[in-house]
Amino acid sequence: MKMQFDPVIRAYERGDSKRILDIWLAASRVGHPFLGDEVLLRQRQIVEELYLDQAEIWVAEQAGQVVGFIGLLDTFIGGLFVDPQRHGGGHARTLVEHAFRLKPFLELEVYAANPVAPGFYRHLGFEEVERRPQDDDGRPFELIRMRWG
């Protein structure tokens, strides 16, 4: 019988960066395959060089290993990523619930083509507030803006 333990949520530490970047890339390949590996590898570099220092990052740790993270830019969820081997284990929900306790409201954008994210956020109480036909780089991938609170 497999035992499930709630993850520990803690603040990001510089030593987490390699694991976080590995999780980001693996989860992005699952959620955003339509972007292609070349784009994802460029985005990973931006996450490493800019995002890790600018965002308020919380990690989910289980049995001493980082299994996921959420990045907040004030009240905007800039990213929520969980190791694909841990998908379905409640880690993403736990990270978002942590953010609920920290912020009076939250907003985010998800790709409409992401097979899981829009439904996941709706299930947690986020509501769609708008859509736009292109992403930030002008690619023809529809984005859904959602809000909670």
N, C-alpha and C. Protein backbone atom coordinates (compact mmCIF):
# COMPACT_ATOMS: atom_id res chain seq x y z
N MET A 1 0.84 -1.18 0.00
CA MET A 1 0.00 0.00 0.00
C MET A 1 0.89 1.24 0.00
N LYS A 2 0.67 2.12 -0.96
CA LYS A 2 1.48 3.33 -1.09
C LYS A 2 0.94 4.39 -0.14
N MET A 3 1.82 4.97 0.65
CA MET A 3 1.41 6.01 1.59
C MET A 3 1.57 7.36 0.94
N GLN A 4 0.58 8.24 1.12
CA GLN A 4 0.62 9.59 0.56
C GLN A 4 0.85 10.57 1.71
N PHE A 5 1.84 11.40 1.57
CA PHE A 5 2.13 12.41 2.58
C PHE A 5 1.92 13.78 1.96
N ASP A 6 1.37 14.70 2.74
CA ASP A 6 1.23 16.06 2.25
C ASP A 6 2.61 16.67 2.09
N PRO A 7 2.80 17.41 1.01
CA PRO A 7 4.11 18.04 0.83
C PRO A 7 4.31 19.18 1.82
N VAL A 8 5.55 19.48 2.08
CA VAL A 8 5.93 20.65 2.85
C VAL A 8 6.05 21.80 1.86
N ILE A 9 5.41 22.93 2.17
CA ILE A 9 5.54 24.11 1.32
C ILE A 9 6.52 25.05 2.01
N ARG A 10 7.53 25.46 1.26
CA ARG A 10 8.54 26.36 1.82
C ARG A 10 9.00 27.33 0.75
N ALA A 11 9.67 28.37 1.20
CA ALA A 11 10.20 29.38 0.28
C ALA A 11 11.34 28.78 -0.56
N TYR A 12 11.42 29.23 -1.78
CA TYR A 12 12.48 28.85 -2.71
C TYR A 12 13.84 29.24 -2.14
N GLU A 13 14.81 28.38 -2.35
CA GLU A 13 16.20 28.66 -2.01
C GLU A 13 17.04 28.51 -3.28
N ARG A 14 18.10 29.25 -3.39
CA ARG A 14 18.95 29.24 -4.58
C ARG A 14 19.35 27.82 -4.97
N GLY A 15 19.58 26.96 -4.01
CA GLY A 15 19.97 25.58 -4.30
C GLY A 15 18.88 24.76 -4.97
N ASP A 16 17.65 25.27 -5.01
CA ASP A 16 16.54 24.57 -5.65
C ASP A 16 16.51 24.79 -7.16
N SER A 17 17.30 25.71 -7.67
CA SER A 17 17.12 26.18 -9.05
C SER A 17 17.23 25.06 -10.09
N LYS A 18 18.21 24.19 -10.00
CA LYS A 18 18.35 23.14 -11.02
C LYS A 18 17.12 22.24 -11.02
N ARG A 19 16.68 21.83 -9.86
CA ARG A 19 15.51 20.94 -9.77
C ARG A 19 14.26 21.65 -10.30
N ILE A 20 14.10 22.91 -9.95
CA ILE A 20 12.95 23.68 -10.42
C ILE A 20 12.97 23.80 -11.94
N LEU A 21 14.12 24.06 -12.51
CA LEU A 21 14.22 24.18 -13.97
C LEU A 21 13.94 22.85 -14.66
N ASP A 22 14.38 21.76 -14.05
CA ASP A 22 14.09 20.43 -14.61
C ASP A 22 12.58 20.15 -14.57
N ILE A 23 11.95 20.49 -13.45
CA ILE A 23 10.50 20.32 -13.33
C ILE A 23 9.78 21.21 -14.33
N TRP A 24 10.23 22.45 -14.44
CA TRP A 24 9.60 23.39 -15.38
C TRP A 24 9.60 22.81 -16.79
N LEU A 25 10.76 22.33 -17.24
CA LEU A 25 10.87 21.82 -18.60
C LEU A 25 10.03 20.56 -18.80
N ALA A 26 10.12 19.62 -17.88
CA ALA A 26 9.35 18.37 -18.02
C ALA A 26 7.85 18.65 -18.02
N ALA A 27 7.39 19.49 -17.12
CA ALA A 27 5.96 19.80 -17.05
C ALA A 27 5.51 20.64 -18.25
N SER A 28 6.37 21.51 -18.74
CA SER A 28 6.03 22.31 -19.93
C SER A 28 5.90 21.43 -21.17
N ARG A 29 6.72 20.42 -21.24
CA ARG A 29 6.61 19.48 -22.38
C ARG A 29 5.28 18.73 -22.34
N VAL A 30 4.73 18.50 -21.17
CA VAL A 30 3.43 17.85 -21.03
C VAL A 30 2.29 18.83 -21.31
N GLY A 31 2.36 20.01 -20.71
CA GLY A 31 1.27 20.98 -20.81
C GLY A 31 1.28 21.86 -22.04
N HIS A 32 2.46 22.06 -22.61
CA HIS A 32 2.61 22.98 -23.74
C HIS A 32 3.35 22.34 -24.91
N PRO A 33 3.04 21.11 -25.29
CA PRO A 33 3.78 20.47 -26.38
C PRO A 33 3.64 21.21 -27.71
N PHE A 34 2.56 21.94 -27.87
CA PHE A 34 2.30 22.68 -29.10
C PHE A 34 3.31 23.80 -29.33
N LEU A 35 4.05 24.21 -28.29
CA LEU A 35 5.05 25.26 -28.46
C LEU A 35 6.33 24.73 -29.12
N GLY A 36 6.60 23.45 -28.95
CA GLY A 36 7.81 22.86 -29.52
C GLY A 36 9.00 23.02 -28.60
N ASP A 37 9.93 22.09 -28.70
CA ASP A 37 11.07 22.05 -27.80
C ASP A 37 11.99 23.26 -27.94
N GLU A 38 12.16 23.78 -29.13
CA GLU A 38 13.04 24.93 -29.32
C GLU A 38 12.54 26.13 -28.51
N VAL A 39 11.25 26.39 -28.59
CA VAL A 39 10.66 27.50 -27.83
C VAL A 39 10.76 27.22 -26.33
N LEU A 40 10.46 26.00 -25.92
CA LEU A 40 10.52 25.68 -24.49
C LEU A 40 11.92 25.83 -23.93
N LEU A 41 12.92 25.44 -24.68
CA LEU A 41 14.31 25.58 -24.20
C LEU A 41 14.70 27.06 -24.09
N ARG A 42 14.23 27.90 -25.01
CA ARG A 42 14.48 29.34 -24.90
C ARG A 42 13.77 29.91 -23.67
N GLN A 43 12.53 29.48 -23.46
CA GLN A 43 11.78 29.96 -22.31
C GLN A 43 12.42 29.50 -21.00
N ARG A 44 12.96 28.30 -20.98
CA ARG A 44 13.64 27.80 -19.78
C ARG A 44 14.79 28.72 -19.41
N GLN A 45 15.52 29.18 -20.41
CA GLN A 45 16.64 30.10 -20.16
C GLN A 45 16.14 31.41 -19.55
N ILE A 46 15.01 31.92 -20.04
CA ILE A 46 14.43 33.15 -19.48
C ILE A 46 14.00 32.92 -18.04
N VAL A 47 13.40 31.77 -17.78
CA VAL A 47 13.00 31.44 -16.41
C VAL A 47 14.24 31.46 -15.52
N GLU A 48 15.31 30.85 -15.98
CA GLU A 48 16.54 30.78 -15.18
C GLU A 48 17.15 32.16 -14.96
N GLU A 49 17.23 32.95 -16.02
CA GLU A 49 17.97 34.22 -15.93
C GLU A 49 17.16 35.36 -15.33
N LEU A 50 15.85 35.34 -15.45
CA LEU A 50 15.03 36.45 -14.97
C LEU A 50 14.02 36.06 -13.89
N TYR A 51 13.23 35.06 -14.20
CA TYR A 51 12.06 34.74 -13.38
C TYR A 51 12.42 34.30 -11.96
N LEU A 52 13.44 33.46 -11.83
CA LEU A 52 13.79 32.94 -10.51
C LEU A 52 14.16 34.06 -9.53
N ASP A 53 14.72 35.14 -10.04
CA ASP A 53 15.09 36.26 -9.17
C ASP A 53 13.95 37.25 -8.96
N GLN A 54 13.00 37.31 -9.87
CA GLN A 54 11.94 38.31 -9.80
C GLN A 54 10.68 37.83 -9.09
N ALA A 55 10.44 36.55 -9.11
CA ALA A 55 9.19 36.01 -8.58
C ALA A 55 9.31 35.61 -7.11
N GLU A 56 8.18 35.58 -6.46
CA GLU A 56 8.04 35.00 -5.12
C GLU A 56 7.73 33.53 -5.36
N ILE A 57 8.69 32.67 -5.06
CA ILE A 57 8.55 31.25 -5.41
C ILE A 57 8.42 30.42 -4.14
N TRP A 58 7.44 29.53 -4.20
CA TRP A 58 7.20 28.57 -3.12
C TRP A 58 7.34 27.18 -3.73
N VAL A 59 8.03 26.30 -3.02
CA VAL A 59 8.22 24.94 -3.51
C VAL A 59 7.45 23.95 -2.65
N ALA A 60 7.04 22.88 -3.29
CA ALA A 60 6.46 21.73 -2.59
C ALA A 60 7.57 20.69 -2.50
N GLU A 61 7.79 20.24 -1.30
CA GLU A 61 8.86 19.28 -1.05
C GLU A 61 8.25 18.05 -0.40
N GLN A 62 8.63 16.90 -0.91
CA GLN A 62 8.14 15.65 -0.33
C GLN A 62 9.31 14.71 -0.16
N ALA A 63 9.44 14.17 1.03
CA ALA A 63 10.54 13.26 1.35
C ALA A 63 11.89 13.90 1.00
N GLY A 64 12.01 15.20 1.25
CA GLY A 64 13.26 15.91 1.03
C GLY A 64 13.54 16.30 -0.40
N GLN A 65 12.61 16.06 -1.31
CA GLN A 65 12.83 16.39 -2.73
C GLN A 65 11.77 17.38 -3.20
N VAL A 66 12.22 18.40 -3.93
CA VAL A 66 11.29 19.36 -4.52
C VAL A 66 10.51 18.63 -5.62
N VAL A 67 9.17 18.70 -5.52
CA VAL A 67 8.31 18.01 -6.48
C VAL A 67 7.48 18.98 -7.31
N GLY A 68 7.49 20.27 -6.93
CA GLY A 68 6.73 21.26 -7.68
C GLY A 68 6.97 22.64 -7.12
N PHE A 69 6.45 23.65 -7.84
CA PHE A 69 6.61 25.02 -7.36
C PHE A 69 5.54 25.92 -7.97
N ILE A 70 5.33 27.04 -7.29
CA ILE A 70 4.45 28.10 -7.78
C ILE A 70 5.24 29.39 -7.72
N GLY A 71 5.13 30.19 -8.78
CA GLY A 71 5.81 31.48 -8.84
C GLY A 71 4.78 32.58 -8.89
N LEU A 72 4.87 33.51 -7.95
CA LEU A 72 3.92 34.61 -7.87
C LEU A 72 4.62 35.92 -8.20
N LEU A 73 3.98 36.71 -9.02
CA LEU A 73 4.41 38.08 -9.31
C LEU A 73 3.31 38.95 -8.72
N ASP A 74 3.48 39.33 -7.46
CA ASP A 74 2.46 40.00 -6.66
C ASP A 74 1.24 39.07 -6.59
N THR A 75 0.12 39.42 -7.22
CA THR A 75 -1.07 38.58 -7.15
C THR A 75 -1.29 37.77 -8.44
N PHE A 76 -0.28 37.70 -9.28
CA PHE A 76 -0.37 36.97 -10.54
C PHE A 76 0.44 35.68 -10.43
N ILE A 77 -0.20 34.56 -10.75
CA ILE A 77 0.51 33.28 -10.78
C ILE A 77 1.26 33.21 -12.09
N GLY A 78 2.57 33.41 -12.03
CA GLY A 78 3.39 33.38 -13.22
C GLY A 78 3.68 31.96 -13.67
N GLY A 79 3.56 31.01 -12.77
CA GLY A 79 3.81 29.62 -13.14
C GLY A 79 3.47 28.68 -12.00
N LEU A 80 2.95 27.54 -12.36
CA LEU A 80 2.65 26.45 -11.43
C LEU A 80 3.06 25.18 -12.15
N PHE A 81 4.07 24.50 -11.62
CA PHE A 81 4.61 23.33 -12.29
C PHE A 81 4.90 22.25 -11.27
N VAL A 82 4.51 21.03 -11.61
CA VAL A 82 4.75 19.85 -10.77
C VAL A 82 5.42 18.80 -11.63
N ASP A 83 6.36 18.09 -11.04
CA ASP A 83 7.03 16.99 -11.72
C ASP A 83 5.95 16.08 -12.32
N PRO A 84 5.99 15.83 -13.64
CA PRO A 84 4.96 15.01 -14.26
C PRO A 84 4.78 13.63 -13.61
N GLN A 85 5.84 13.09 -13.01
CA GLN A 85 5.72 11.81 -12.31
C GLN A 85 4.87 11.93 -11.04
N ARG A 86 4.61 13.16 -10.62
CA ARG A 86 3.82 13.42 -9.41
C ARG A 86 2.45 14.01 -9.73
N HIS A 87 2.13 14.15 -11.03
CA HIS A 87 0.83 14.70 -11.40
C HIS A 87 -0.29 13.86 -10.79
N GLY A 88 -1.32 14.54 -10.32
CA GLY A 88 -2.46 13.86 -9.72
C GLY A 88 -2.30 13.58 -8.24
N GLY A 89 -1.19 13.99 -7.66
CA GLY A 89 -0.94 13.72 -6.24
C GLY A 89 -1.35 14.82 -5.30
N GLY A 90 -1.97 15.88 -5.82
CA GLY A 90 -2.44 16.98 -4.98
C GLY A 90 -1.43 18.07 -4.73
N HIS A 91 -0.24 17.96 -5.32
CA HIS A 91 0.80 18.95 -5.07
C HIS A 91 0.43 20.32 -5.64
N ALA A 92 -0.09 20.36 -6.87
CA ALA A 92 -0.47 21.64 -7.47
C ALA A 92 -1.56 22.31 -6.65
N ARG A 93 -2.54 21.54 -6.25
CA ARG A 93 -3.63 22.09 -5.43
C ARG A 93 -3.08 22.66 -4.12
N THR A 94 -2.18 21.96 -3.48
CA THR A 94 -1.59 22.42 -2.22
C THR A 94 -0.83 23.73 -2.43
N LEU A 95 -0.11 23.85 -3.53
CA LEU A 95 0.61 25.08 -3.81
C LEU A 95 -0.34 26.25 -4.06
N VAL A 96 -1.41 26.03 -4.81
CA VAL A 96 -2.38 27.10 -5.06
C VAL A 96 -3.09 27.47 -3.76
N GLU A 97 -3.44 26.50 -2.95
CA GLU A 97 -4.08 26.80 -1.67
C GLU A 97 -3.16 27.62 -0.77
N HIS A 98 -1.86 27.38 -0.85
CA HIS A 98 -0.90 28.20 -0.12
C HIS A 98 -0.97 29.64 -0.61
N ALA A 99 -1.02 29.82 -1.93
CA ALA A 99 -1.12 31.17 -2.50
C ALA A 99 -2.43 31.84 -2.10
N PHE A 100 -3.51 31.08 -2.00
CA PHE A 100 -4.80 31.63 -1.55
C PHE A 100 -4.64 32.28 -0.16
N ARG A 101 -3.86 31.64 0.69
CA ARG A 101 -3.67 32.16 2.05
C ARG A 101 -2.81 33.41 2.08
N LEU A 102 -1.99 33.60 1.06
CA LEU A 102 -1.06 34.73 1.02
C LEU A 102 -1.64 35.98 0.37
N LYS A 103 -2.55 35.81 -0.57
CA LYS A 103 -2.99 36.92 -1.42
C LYS A 103 -4.50 37.13 -1.31
N PRO A 104 -4.96 38.39 -1.45
CA PRO A 104 -6.40 38.66 -1.38
C PRO A 104 -7.15 38.20 -2.63
N PHE A 105 -6.45 38.11 -3.74
CA PHE A 105 -6.99 37.57 -4.99
C PHE A 105 -5.83 37.11 -5.83
N LEU A 106 -6.12 36.30 -6.83
CA LEU A 106 -5.08 35.79 -7.72
C LEU A 106 -5.57 35.84 -9.16
N GLU A 107 -4.65 36.10 -10.07
CA GLU A 107 -4.94 36.05 -11.50
C GLU A 107 -3.87 35.21 -12.18
N LEU A 108 -4.18 34.75 -13.37
CA LEU A 108 -3.24 33.96 -14.14
C LEU A 108 -3.69 33.91 -15.57
N GLU A 109 -2.81 33.45 -16.43
CA GLU A 109 -3.16 33.15 -17.81
C GLU A 109 -2.70 31.73 -18.11
N VAL A 110 -3.56 30.99 -18.83
CA VAL A 110 -3.22 29.64 -19.26
C VAL A 110 -3.52 29.52 -20.74
N TYR A 111 -2.75 28.68 -21.38
CA TYR A 111 -3.04 28.38 -22.78
C TYR A 111 -4.33 27.57 -22.85
N ALA A 112 -5.23 27.97 -23.74
CA ALA A 112 -6.48 27.23 -23.93
C ALA A 112 -6.19 25.80 -24.38
N ALA A 113 -5.08 25.60 -25.10
CA ALA A 113 -4.72 24.28 -25.61
C ALA A 113 -4.09 23.37 -24.55
N ASN A 114 -3.79 23.91 -23.38
CA ASN A 114 -3.24 23.08 -22.30
C ASN A 114 -4.31 22.07 -21.93
N PRO A 115 -3.98 20.77 -21.95
CA PRO A 115 -5.02 19.76 -21.74
C PRO A 115 -5.58 19.69 -20.32
N VAL A 116 -4.90 20.28 -19.35
CA VAL A 116 -5.31 20.13 -17.95
C VAL A 116 -5.58 21.46 -17.24
N ALA A 117 -4.75 22.46 -17.46
CA ALA A 117 -4.75 23.67 -16.64
C ALA A 117 -6.08 24.41 -16.57
N PRO A 118 -6.77 24.69 -17.67
CA PRO A 118 -8.02 25.45 -17.54
C PRO A 118 -9.04 24.78 -16.62
N GLY A 119 -9.23 23.49 -16.78
CA GLY A 119 -10.17 22.75 -15.92
C GLY A 119 -9.71 22.68 -14.47
N PHE A 120 -8.42 22.52 -14.28
CA PHE A 120 -7.86 22.48 -12.92
C PHE A 120 -8.17 23.78 -12.19
N TYR A 121 -7.90 24.91 -12.83
CA TYR A 121 -8.13 26.19 -12.17
C TYR A 121 -9.62 26.46 -11.96
N ARG A 122 -10.46 26.08 -12.91
CA ARG A 122 -11.92 26.23 -12.73
C ARG A 122 -12.37 25.43 -11.51
N HIS A 123 -11.85 24.23 -11.37
CA HIS A 123 -12.20 23.37 -10.24
C HIS A 123 -11.83 24.02 -8.90
N LEU A 124 -10.78 24.82 -8.89
CA LEU A 124 -10.35 25.50 -7.66
C LEU A 124 -11.08 26.82 -7.43
N GLY A 125 -11.98 27.19 -8.33
CA GLY A 125 -12.78 28.39 -8.14
C GLY A 125 -12.37 29.59 -8.96
N PHE A 126 -11.41 29.44 -9.85
CA PHE A 126 -11.04 30.53 -10.74
C PHE A 126 -12.12 30.70 -11.80
N GLU A 127 -12.33 31.94 -12.20
CA GLU A 127 -13.30 32.23 -13.26
C GLU A 127 -12.60 32.90 -14.42
N GLU A 128 -13.04 32.55 -15.62
CA GLU A 128 -12.48 33.17 -16.82
C GLU A 128 -12.94 34.62 -16.89
N VAL A 129 -11.99 35.53 -17.14
CA VAL A 129 -12.34 36.94 -17.26
C VAL A 129 -12.13 37.47 -18.68
N GLU A 130 -11.25 36.83 -19.44
CA GLU A 130 -11.08 37.23 -20.84
C GLU A 130 -10.22 36.21 -21.57
N ARG A 131 -10.24 36.33 -22.88
CA ARG A 131 -9.38 35.51 -23.75
C ARG A 131 -8.70 36.42 -24.75
N ARG A 132 -7.53 36.00 -25.18
CA ARG A 132 -6.88 36.72 -26.27
C ARG A 132 -6.33 35.69 -27.25
N PRO A 133 -6.33 36.01 -28.52
CA PRO A 133 -6.03 35.01 -29.55
C PRO A 133 -4.55 34.67 -29.70
N GLN A 134 -3.65 35.49 -29.14
CA GLN A 134 -2.22 35.25 -29.29
C GLN A 134 -1.54 35.30 -27.93
N ASP A 135 -0.40 34.60 -27.84
CA ASP A 135 0.37 34.67 -26.60
C ASP A 135 1.25 35.92 -26.61
N ASP A 136 2.06 36.07 -25.58
CA ASP A 136 2.88 37.28 -25.43
C ASP A 136 3.89 37.47 -26.56
N ASP A 137 4.24 36.39 -27.22
CA ASP A 137 5.20 36.47 -28.32
C ASP A 137 4.53 36.53 -29.69
N GLY A 138 3.21 36.71 -29.71
CA GLY A 138 2.48 36.84 -30.97
C GLY A 138 2.16 35.53 -31.66
N ARG A 139 2.44 34.42 -30.98
CA ARG A 139 2.11 33.11 -31.58
C ARG A 139 0.59 32.90 -31.50
N PRO A 140 0.03 32.17 -32.45
CA PRO A 140 -1.43 32.01 -32.51
C PRO A 140 -1.98 30.97 -31.53
N PHE A 141 -1.65 31.13 -30.26
CA PHE A 141 -2.14 30.22 -29.23
C PHE A 141 -2.97 31.02 -28.24
N GLU A 142 -4.24 30.70 -28.18
CA GLU A 142 -5.18 31.44 -27.35
C GLU A 142 -4.84 31.32 -25.86
N LEU A 143 -4.91 32.46 -25.18
CA LEU A 143 -4.69 32.51 -23.74
C LEU A 143 -5.98 32.85 -23.02
N ILE A 144 -6.19 32.19 -21.90
CA ILE A 144 -7.36 32.45 -21.05
C ILE A 144 -6.85 33.14 -19.79
N ARG A 145 -7.40 34.31 -19.49
CA ARG A 145 -7.09 35.00 -18.23
C ARG A 145 -8.14 34.59 -17.22
N MET A 146 -7.69 34.20 -16.03
CA MET A 146 -8.60 33.73 -14.98
C MET A 146 -8.31 34.48 -13.69
N ARG A 147 -9.33 34.52 -12.84
CA ARG A 147 -9.22 35.26 -11.58
C ARG A 147 -9.93 34.49 -10.46
N TRP A 148 -9.33 34.56 -9.28
CA TRP A 148 -9.92 34.02 -8.05
C TRP A 148 -9.95 35.12 -7.01
N GLY A 149 -11.03 35.20 -6.28
CA GLY A 149 -11.12 36.14 -5.15
C GLY A 149 -11.80 37.44 -5.48
